[in-house]
Amino acid sequence: MRLTEARISHLSHLLRKALLSGGAADFPDEAAAHREAKAVLASYARAEEEADAVARDKISRLSRRVQEGEREWDILYRKYLEEEMARRKL
């Protein structure tokens, strides 16, 4: 699922509120904390999209044709996506 700027911003607010209410963090500069949280979430979203592209590319380069939506495609996609996310340490 593609994370839009609005979704990233919303998640950033939720994350900061949860950390504050749980006593896990204190943010002296709320704006800077919000910007940093957005940057981290956006970076993760980009890495996930890149891993998705790699997984899809690997499936498309197989010698046999596997159609998206087939059980085999789903299994291969999960496998390749997990491998790529692990390679990126995500």
Protein backbone atom coordinates (compact mmCIF):
# COMPACT_ATOMS: atom_id res chain seq x y z
CA MET A 1 0.00 0.00 0.00
CA ARG A 2 1.40 3.35 -1.01
CA LEU A 3 1.70 5.81 1.84
CA THR A 4 0.66 9.30 0.83
CA GLU A 5 2.06 12.44 2.44
CA ALA A 6 -1.17 12.82 4.41
CA ARG A 7 -0.99 9.25 5.72
CA ILE A 8 2.65 9.67 6.69
CA SER A 9 1.82 12.89 8.53
CA HIS A 10 -1.09 11.23 10.33
CA LEU A 11 1.04 8.26 11.36
CA SER A 12 3.72 10.65 12.59
CA HIS A 13 1.21 12.37 14.86
CA LEU A 14 -0.09 9.04 16.17
CA LEU A 15 3.41 7.78 16.83
CA ARG A 16 4.46 10.91 18.73
CA LYS A 17 1.25 10.91 20.79
CA ALA A 18 1.71 7.25 21.70
CA LEU A 19 5.31 7.81 22.75
CA LEU A 20 4.35 10.84 24.83
CA SER A 21 1.37 9.22 26.53
CA GLY A 22 3.33 6.06 27.29
CA GLY A 23 6.15 8.07 28.82
CA ALA A 24 8.63 6.56 26.39
CA ALA A 25 9.78 9.92 25.01
CA ASP A 26 9.75 13.63 25.62
CA PHE A 27 9.99 16.03 22.69
CA PRO A 28 11.33 19.49 23.53
CA ASP A 29 10.77 20.57 19.92
CA GLU A 30 7.44 19.16 18.67
CA ALA A 31 7.92 20.45 15.11
CA ALA A 32 11.37 18.89 14.78
CA ALA A 33 10.10 15.60 16.19
CA HIS A 34 7.22 15.62 13.71
CA ARG A 35 9.58 16.31 10.78
CA GLU A 36 11.95 13.54 11.87
CA ALA A 37 9.15 11.01 12.31
CA LYS A 38 7.79 11.89 8.86
CA ALA A 39 11.25 11.48 7.33
CA VAL A 40 11.71 8.05 8.90
CA LEU A 41 8.25 6.85 7.82
CA ALA A 42 8.75 8.19 4.28
CA SER A 43 12.14 6.48 4.05
CA TYR A 44 10.62 3.17 5.12
CA ALA A 45 7.78 3.56 2.62
CA ARG A 46 10.27 4.22 -0.20
CA ALA A 47 12.34 1.18 0.77
CA GLU A 48 9.22 -0.98 0.86
CA GLU A 49 8.16 0.23 -2.61
CA GLU A 50 11.63 -0.54 -3.96
CA ALA A 51 11.54 -4.02 -2.42
CA ASP A 52 8.11 -4.54 -4.02
CA ALA A 53 9.54 -3.58 -7.41
CA VAL A 54 12.46 -5.99 -6.97
CA ALA A 55 10.14 -8.86 -6.02
CA ARG A 56 7.87 -8.21 -9.00
CA ASP A 57 10.86 -7.96 -11.33
CA LYS A 58 12.25 -11.30 -10.13
CA ILE A 59 8.91 -12.98 -10.80
CA SER A 60 8.66 -11.44 -14.26
CA ARG A 61 12.14 -12.72 -15.17
CA LEU A 62 11.36 -16.36 -14.38
CA SER A 63 11.67 -18.72 -17.33
CA ARG A 64 8.10 -19.88 -16.80
CA ARG A 65 5.23 -17.41 -16.78
CA VAL A 66 3.50 -17.00 -13.45
CA GLN A 67 0.42 -14.81 -13.50
CA GLU A 68 -0.29 -12.35 -10.71
CA GLY A 69 -3.14 -13.62 -8.57
CA GLU A 70 -2.12 -17.26 -8.85
CA ARG A 71 -1.18 -19.05 -5.66
CA GLU A 72 2.36 -19.63 -6.93
CA TRP A 73 2.77 -15.91 -7.70
CA ASP A 74 1.64 -15.00 -4.19
CA ILE A 75 4.10 -17.45 -2.63
CA LEU A 76 6.99 -16.26 -4.77
CA TYR A 77 6.11 -12.61 -4.16
CA ARG A 78 6.11 -13.05 -0.37
CA LYS A 79 9.38 -14.97 -0.52
CA TYR A 80 11.17 -12.42 -2.70
CA LEU A 81 9.74 -9.47 -0.78
CA GLU A 82 10.85 -10.93 2.56
CA GLU A 83 14.31 -11.62 1.14
CA GLU A 84 14.63 -8.07 -0.15
CA MET A 85 13.37 -6.54 3.11
CA ALA A 86 15.86 -8.69 5.05
CA ARG A 87 18.65 -7.65 2.69
CA ARG A 88 17.77 -4.02 3.41
CA LYS A 89 17.54 -4.85 7.13
CA LEU A 90 13.93 -3.71 7.40
